Amino acid sequence: AKNMVYLRMNGLKPEDTAVYYCTAVRPGAN
């Protein structure tokens, strides 16, 4: 309803360090 997506991250580790990208995929488009 809000066109939102979330990622809840618990127990974070140093190896989770990164740039995080949101994606939207449908047939023929990314």
All heavy atoms as atom14 arrays in JSON, in Angstrom:
{
  "sequence": "AKNMVYLRMNGLKPEDTAVYYCTAVRPGAN",
  "atom14_mask": [
    [1, 1, 1, 1, 1, 0, 0, 0, 0, 0, 0, 0, 0, 0],
    [1, 1, 1, 1, 1, 1, 1, 1, 1, 0, 0, 0, 0, 0],
    [1, 1, 1, 1, 1, 1, 1, 1, 0, 0, 0, 0, 0, 0],
    [1, 1, 1, 1, 1, 1, 1, 1, 0, 0, 0, 0, 0, 0],
    [1, 1, 1, 1, 1, 1, 1, 0, 0, 0, 0, 0, 0, 0],
    [1, 1, 1, 1, 1, 1, 1, 1, 1, 1, 1, 1, 0, 0],
    [1, 1, 1, 1, 1, 1, 1, 1, 0, 0, 0, 0, 0, 0],
    [1, 1, 1, 1, 1, 1, 1, 1, 1, 1, 1, 0, 0, 0],
    [1, 1, 1, 1, 1, 1, 1, 1, 0, 0, 0, 0, 0, 0],
    [1, 1, 1, 1, 1, 1, 1, 1, 0, 0, 0, 0, 0, 0],
    [1, 1, 1, 1, 0, 0, 0, 0, 0, 0, 0, 0, 0, 0],
    [1, 1, 1, 1, 1, 1, 1, 1, 0, 0, 0, 0, 0, 0],
    [1, 1, 1, 1, 1, 1, 1, 1, 1, 0, 0, 0, 0, 0],
    [1, 1, 1, 1, 1, 1, 1, 0, 0, 0, 0, 0, 0, 0],
    [1, 1, 1, 1, 1, 1, 1, 1, 1, 0, 0, 0, 0, 0],
    [1, 1, 1, 1, 1, 1, 1, 1, 0, 0, 0, 0, 0, 0],
    [1, 1, 1, 1, 1, 1, 1, 0, 0, 0, 0, 0, 0, 0],
    [1, 1, 1, 1, 1, 0, 0, 0, 0, 0, 0, 0, 0, 0],
    [1, 1, 1, 1, 1, 1, 1, 0, 0, 0, 0, 0, 0, 0],
    [1, 1, 1, 1, 1, 1, 1, 1, 1, 1, 1, 1, 0, 0],
    [1, 1, 1, 1, 1, 1, 1, 1, 1, 1, 1, 1, 0, 0],
    [1, 1, 1, 1, 1, 1, 0, 0, 0, 0, 0, 0, 0, 0],
    [1, 1, 1, 1, 1, 1, 1, 0, 0, 0, 0, 0, 0, 0],
    [1, 1, 1, 1, 1, 0, 0, 0, 0, 0, 0, 0, 0, 0],
    [1, 1, 1, 1, 1, 1, 1, 0, 0, 0, 0, 0, 0, 0],
    [1, 1, 1, 1, 1, 1, 1, 1, 1, 1, 1, 0, 0, 0],
    [1, 1, 1, 1, 1, 1, 1, 0, 0, 0, 0, 0, 0, 0],
    [1, 1, 1, 1, 0, 0, 0, 0, 0, 0, 0, 0, 0, 0],
    [1, 1, 1, 1, 1, 0, 0, 0, 0, 0, 0, 0, 0, 0],
    [1, 1, 1, 1, 1, 1, 1, 1, 0, 0, 0, 0, 0, 0]
  ],
  "atom14_positions": [
    [[0.82, -1.21, 0.0], [0.0, 0.0, 0.0], [0.86, 1.26, 0.0], [0.44, 2.31, -0.5], [-0.93, 0.0, 1.2], [0.0, 0.0, 0.0], [0.0, 0.0, 0.0], [0.0, 0.0, 0.0], [0.0, 0.0, 0.0], [0.0, 0.0, 0.0], [0.0, 0.0, 0.0], [0.0, 0.0, 0.0], [0.0, 0.0, 0.0], [0.0, 0.0, 0.0]],
    [[2.05, 1.16, 0.57], [2.93, 2.33, 0.68], [4.1, 2.29, -0.3], [4.94, 3.2, -0.3], [3.48, 2.43, 2.11], [2.4, 2.69, 3.16], [3.02, 2.83, 4.54], [1.95, 3.13, 5.59], [2.54, 3.24, 6.95], [0.0, 0.0, 0.0], [0.0, 0.0, 0.0], [0.0, 0.0, 0.0], [0.0, 0.0, 0.0], [0.0, 0.0, 0.0]],
    [[4.19, 1.23, -1.1], [5.31, 1.08, -2.04], [6.65, 1.1, -1.31], [7.59, 1.77, -1.74], [5.28, 2.15, -3.12], [4.17, 1.95, -4.13], [3.3, 1.1, -3.94], [4.17, 2.73, -5.19], [0.0, 0.0, 0.0], [0.0, 0.0, 0.0], [0.0, 0.0, 0.0], [0.0, 0.0, 0.0], [0.0, 0.0, 0.0], [0.0, 0.0, 0.0]],
    [[6.7, 0.38, -0.21], [7.91, 0.35, 0.61], [8.38, -1.09, 0.81], [7.57, -2.02, 0.93], [7.64, 0.95, 1.99], [7.27, 2.42, 1.98], [8.69, 3.48, 1.59], [9.75, 3.19, 2.99], [0.0, 0.0, 0.0], [0.0, 0.0, 0.0], [0.0, 0.0, 0.0], [0.0, 0.0, 0.0], [0.0, 0.0, 0.0], [0.0, 0.0, 0.0]],
    [[9.69, -1.25, 0.9], [10.28, -2.52, 1.27], [11.31, -2.25, 2.36], [11.97, -1.2, 2.35], [10.89, -3.25, 0.06], [12.0, -2.46, -0.59], [11.36, -4.64, 0.43], [0.0, 0.0, 0.0], [0.0, 0.0, 0.0], [0.0, 0.0, 0.0], [0.0, 0.0, 0.0], [0.0, 0.0, 0.0], [0.0, 0.0, 0.0], [0.0, 0.0, 0.0]],
    [[11.42, -3.19, 3.29], [12.27, -2.99, 4.46], [13.22, -4.19, 4.62], [12.93, -5.3, 4.19], [11.41, -2.87, 5.72], [10.34, -1.82, 5.62], [9.03, -2.17, 5.27], [10.62, -0.49, 5.88], [8.04, -1.2, 5.18], [9.63, 0.49, 5.78], [8.34, 0.11, 5.43], [7.37, 1.08, 5.32], [0.0, 0.0, 0.0], [0.0, 0.0, 0.0]],
    [[14.31, -3.93, 5.29], [15.22, -5.0, 5.68], [15.61, -4.75, 7.13], [16.35, -3.81, 7.42], [16.46, -5.03, 4.79], [17.4, -6.2, 5.06], [16.76, -7.52, 4.62], [18.74, -6.01, 4.32], [0.0, 0.0, 0.0], [0.0, 0.0, 0.0], [0.0, 0.0, 0.0], [0.0, 0.0, 0.0], [0.0, 0.0, 0.0], [0.0, 0.0, 0.0]],
    [[15.1, -5.6, 8.0], [15.47, -5.53, 9.4], [16.69, -6.41, 9.6], [16.66, -7.6, 9.3], [14.31, -6.0, 10.28], [14.66, -6.08, 11.78], [14.94, -4.74, 12.38], [15.2, -4.83, 13.82], [15.53, -3.78, 14.58], [15.66, -2.57, 14.04], [15.73, -3.96, 15.87], [0.0, 0.0, 0.0], [0.0, 0.0, 0.0], [0.0, 0.0, 0.0]],
    [[17.75, -5.82, 10.13], [19.01, -6.54, 10.31], [19.36, -6.59, 11.79], [19.58, -5.54, 12.41], [20.12, -5.83, 9.53], [19.79, -5.66, 8.05], [21.14, -4.93, 7.1], [21.18, -3.27, 7.79], [0.0, 0.0, 0.0], [0.0, 0.0, 0.0], [0.0, 0.0, 0.0], [0.0, 0.0, 0.0], [0.0, 0.0, 0.0], [0.0, 0.0, 0.0]],
    [[19.36, -7.78, 12.33], [19.74, -8.0, 13.73], [21.06, -8.76, 13.8], [21.46, -9.41, 12.83], [18.65, -8.81, 14.45], [17.33, -8.08, 14.55], [17.3, -6.85, 14.69], [16.23, -8.81, 14.47], [0.0, 0.0, 0.0], [0.0, 0.0, 0.0], [0.0, 0.0, 0.0], [0.0, 0.0, 0.0], [0.0, 0.0, 0.0], [0.0, 0.0, 0.0]],
    [[21.68, -8.69, 14.95], [22.92, -9.43, 15.13], [23.97, -9.11, 14.09], [24.64, -10.0, 13.57], [0.0, 0.0, 0.0], [0.0, 0.0, 0.0], [0.0, 0.0, 0.0], [0.0, 0.0, 0.0], [0.0, 0.0, 0.0], [0.0, 0.0, 0.0], [0.0, 0.0, 0.0], [0.0, 0.0, 0.0], [0.0, 0.0, 0.0], [0.0, 0.0, 0.0]],
    [[24.13, -7.84, 13.79], [25.04, -7.44, 12.72], [26.48, -7.82, 13.05], [26.92, -7.76, 14.2], [24.91, -5.95, 12.45], [23.67, -5.58, 11.63], [23.33, -4.11, 11.79], [23.87, -5.94, 10.17], [0.0, 0.0, 0.0], [0.0, 0.0, 0.0], [0.0, 0.0, 0.0], [0.0, 0.0, 0.0], [0.0, 0.0, 0.0], [0.0, 0.0, 0.0]],
    [[27.18, -8.2, 11.99], [28.58, -8.62, 12.09], [29.44, -7.71, 11.22], [28.93, -7.15, 10.24], [28.73, -10.06, 11.62], [27.84, -11.06, 12.33], [27.97, -12.44, 11.72], [27.08, -13.46, 12.4], [27.2, -14.81, 11.8], [0.0, 0.0, 0.0], [0.0, 0.0, 0.0], [0.0, 0.0, 0.0], [0.0, 0.0, 0.0], [0.0, 0.0, 0.0]],
    [[30.73, -7.6, 11.53], [31.6, -6.77, 10.66], [31.54, -7.2, 9.2], [31.64, -6.34, 8.31], [32.99, -7.0, 11.27], [32.72, -7.25, 12.71], [31.44, -8.06, 12.73], [0.0, 0.0, 0.0], [0.0, 0.0, 0.0], [0.0, 0.0, 0.0], [0.0, 0.0, 0.0], [0.0, 0.0, 0.0], [0.0, 0.0, 0.0], [0.0, 0.0, 0.0]],
    [[31.36, -8.47, 8.94], [31.29, -8.93, 7.56], [30.0, -8.53, 6.85], [29.86, -8.75, 5.64], [31.47, -10.46, 7.48], [30.55, -11.26, 8.37], [31.23, -11.65, 9.69], [31.92, -10.78, 10.3], [31.04, -12.8, 10.12], [0.0, 0.0, 0.0], [0.0, 0.0, 0.0], [0.0, 0.0, 0.0], [0.0, 0.0, 0.0], [0.0, 0.0, 0.0]],
    [[29.06, -7.93, 7.56], [27.87, -7.38, 6.92], [28.12, -5.98, 6.37], [27.24, -5.41, 5.7], [26.7, -7.31, 7.93], [26.23, -8.67, 8.38], [26.11, -9.58, 7.53], [25.98, -8.83, 9.59], [0.0, 0.0, 0.0], [0.0, 0.0, 0.0], [0.0, 0.0, 0.0], [0.0, 0.0, 0.0], [0.0, 0.0, 0.0], [0.0, 0.0, 0.0]],
    [[29.29, -5.42, 6.63], [29.64, -4.1, 6.12], [29.63, -4.1, 4.6], [30.29, -4.92, 3.96], [31.02, -3.67, 6.63], [30.96, -3.51, 8.05], [31.46, -2.36, 5.99], [0.0, 0.0, 0.0], [0.0, 0.0, 0.0], [0.0, 0.0, 0.0], [0.0, 0.0, 0.0], [0.0, 0.0, 0.0], [0.0, 0.0, 0.0], [0.0, 0.0, 0.0]],
    [[28.84, -3.2, 4.04], [28.68, -3.15, 2.58], [27.77, -1.98, 2.22], [27.14, -1.38, 3.1], [28.07, -4.45, 2.06], [0.0, 0.0, 0.0], [0.0, 0.0, 0.0], [0.0, 0.0, 0.0], [0.0, 0.0, 0.0], [0.0, 0.0, 0.0], [0.0, 0.0, 0.0], [0.0, 0.0, 0.0], [0.0, 0.0, 0.0], [0.0, 0.0, 0.0]],
    [[27.7, -1.71, 0.93], [26.65, -0.85, 0.41], [25.46, -1.74, 0.08], [25.61, -2.75, -0.62], [27.1, -0.08, -0.83], [25.95, 0.77, -1.37], [28.3, 0.8, -0.51], [0.0, 0.0, 0.0], [0.0, 0.0, 0.0], [0.0, 0.0, 0.0], [0.0, 0.0, 0.0], [0.0, 0.0, 0.0], [0.0, 0.0, 0.0], [0.0, 0.0, 0.0]],
    [[24.3, -1.38, 0.6], [23.08, -2.16, 0.4], [22.19, -1.47, -0.64], [21.92, -0.27, -0.54], [22.34, -2.31, 1.72], [22.99, -3.33, 2.63], [24.2, -3.06, 3.24], [22.39, -4.56, 2.88], [24.83, -3.99, 4.06], [23.0, -5.5, 3.7], [24.21, -5.21, 4.28], [24.82, -6.14, 5.1], [0.0, 0.0, 0.0], [0.0, 0.0, 0.0]],
    [[21.76, -2.27, -1.62], [20.97, -1.75, -2.73], [19.58, -2.37, -2.73], [19.42, -3.59, -2.55], [21.63, -2.08, -4.05], [23.0, -1.48, -4.25], [24.14, -2.16, -3.87], [23.14, -0.21, -4.83], [25.4, -1.61, -4.04], [24.41, 0.35, -5.01], [25.52, -0.35, -4.63], [26.75, 0.2, -4.8], [0.0, 0.0, 0.0], [0.0, 0.0, 0.0]],
    [[18.61, -1.54, -2.98], [17.24, -1.99, -3.16], [17.03, -2.3, -4.65], [17.54, -1.57, -5.52], [16.29, -0.88, -2.71], [14.54, -1.2, -2.95], [0.0, 0.0, 0.0], [0.0, 0.0, 0.0], [0.0, 0.0, 0.0], [0.0, 0.0, 0.0], [0.0, 0.0, 0.0], [0.0, 0.0, 0.0], [0.0, 0.0, 0.0], [0.0, 0.0, 0.0]],
    [[16.3, -3.36, -4.94], [16.02, -3.72, -6.33], [14.53, -4.01, -6.52], [13.84, -4.43, -5.6], [16.8, -4.96, -6.78], [16.28, -6.11, -6.1], [18.27, -4.82, -6.49], [0.0, 0.0, 0.0], [0.0, 0.0, 0.0], [0.0, 0.0, 0.0], [0.0, 0.0, 0.0], [0.0, 0.0, 0.0], [0.0, 0.0, 0.0], [0.0, 0.0, 0.0]],
    [[14.1, -3.77, -7.75], [12.73, -4.11, -8.16], [12.85, -4.87, -9.48], [13.47, -4.38, -10.43], [11.89, -2.87, -8.33], [0.0, 0.0, 0.0], [0.0, 0.0, 0.0], [0.0, 0.0, 0.0], [0.0, 0.0, 0.0], [0.0, 0.0, 0.0], [0.0, 0.0, 0.0], [0.0, 0.0, 0.0], [0.0, 0.0, 0.0], [0.0, 0.0, 0.0]],
    [[12.29, -6.06, -9.51], [12.43, -6.93, -10.68], [11.06, -7.41, -11.13], [10.25, -7.86, -10.31], [13.32, -8.14, -10.36], [13.43, -9.04, -11.59], [14.69, -7.69, -9.9], [0.0, 0.0, 0.0], [0.0, 0.0, 0.0], [0.0, 0.0, 0.0], [0.0, 0.0, 0.0], [0.0, 0.0, 0.0], [0.0, 0.0, 0.0], [0.0, 0.0, 0.0]],
    [[10.85, -7.32, -12.43], [9.68, -7.92, -13.06], [10.13, -8.4, -14.43], [11.22, -8.03, -14.88], [8.54, -6.91, -13.18], [8.85, -5.68, -14.01], [7.62, -4.81, -14.19], [7.93, -3.56, -14.85], [8.11, -3.42, -16.16], [8.02, -4.48, -16.95], [8.36, -2.24, -16.68], [0.0, 0.0, 0.0], [0.0, 0.0, 0.0], [0.0, 0.0, 0.0]],
    [[9.36, -9.23, -15.1], [9.8, -9.72, -16.41], [10.16, -8.57, -17.34], [9.36, -7.68, -17.6], [8.58, -10.5, -16.9], [7.91, -10.98, -15.67], [8.09, -9.87, -14.66], [0.0, 0.0, 0.0], [0.0, 0.0, 0.0], [0.0, 0.0, 0.0], [0.0, 0.0, 0.0], [0.0, 0.0, 0.0], [0.0, 0.0, 0.0], [0.0, 0.0, 0.0]],
    [[11.38, -8.57, -17.8], [11.82, -7.57, -18.74], [12.38, -6.3, -18.15], [12.8, -5.4, -18.89], [0.0, 0.0, 0.0], [0.0, 0.0, 0.0], [0.0, 0.0, 0.0], [0.0, 0.0, 0.0], [0.0, 0.0, 0.0], [0.0, 0.0, 0.0], [0.0, 0.0, 0.0], [0.0, 0.0, 0.0], [0.0, 0.0, 0.0], [0.0, 0.0, 0.0]],
    [[12.43, -6.19, -16.83], [12.94, -4.96, -16.22], [13.57, -5.26, -14.87], [13.1, -6.14, -14.13], [11.81, -3.95, -16.06], [0.0, 0.0, 0.0], [0.0, 0.0, 0.0], [0.0, 0.0, 0.0], [0.0, 0.0, 0.0], [0.0, 0.0, 0.0], [0.0, 0.0, 0.0], [0.0, 0.0, 0.0], [0.0, 0.0, 0.0], [0.0, 0.0, 0.0]],
    [[14.61, -4.5, -14.57], [15.34, -4.67, -13.33], [15.85, -3.3, -12.92], [16.63, -2.68, -13.65], [16.51, -5.64, -13.55], [17.2, -6.02, -12.25], [16.97, -5.45, -11.21], [18.08, -7.01, -12.34], [0.0, 0.0, 0.0], [0.0, 0.0, 0.0], [0.0, 0.0, 0.0], [0.0, 0.0, 0.0], [0.0, 0.0, 0.0], [0.0, 0.0, 0.0]]
  ]
}
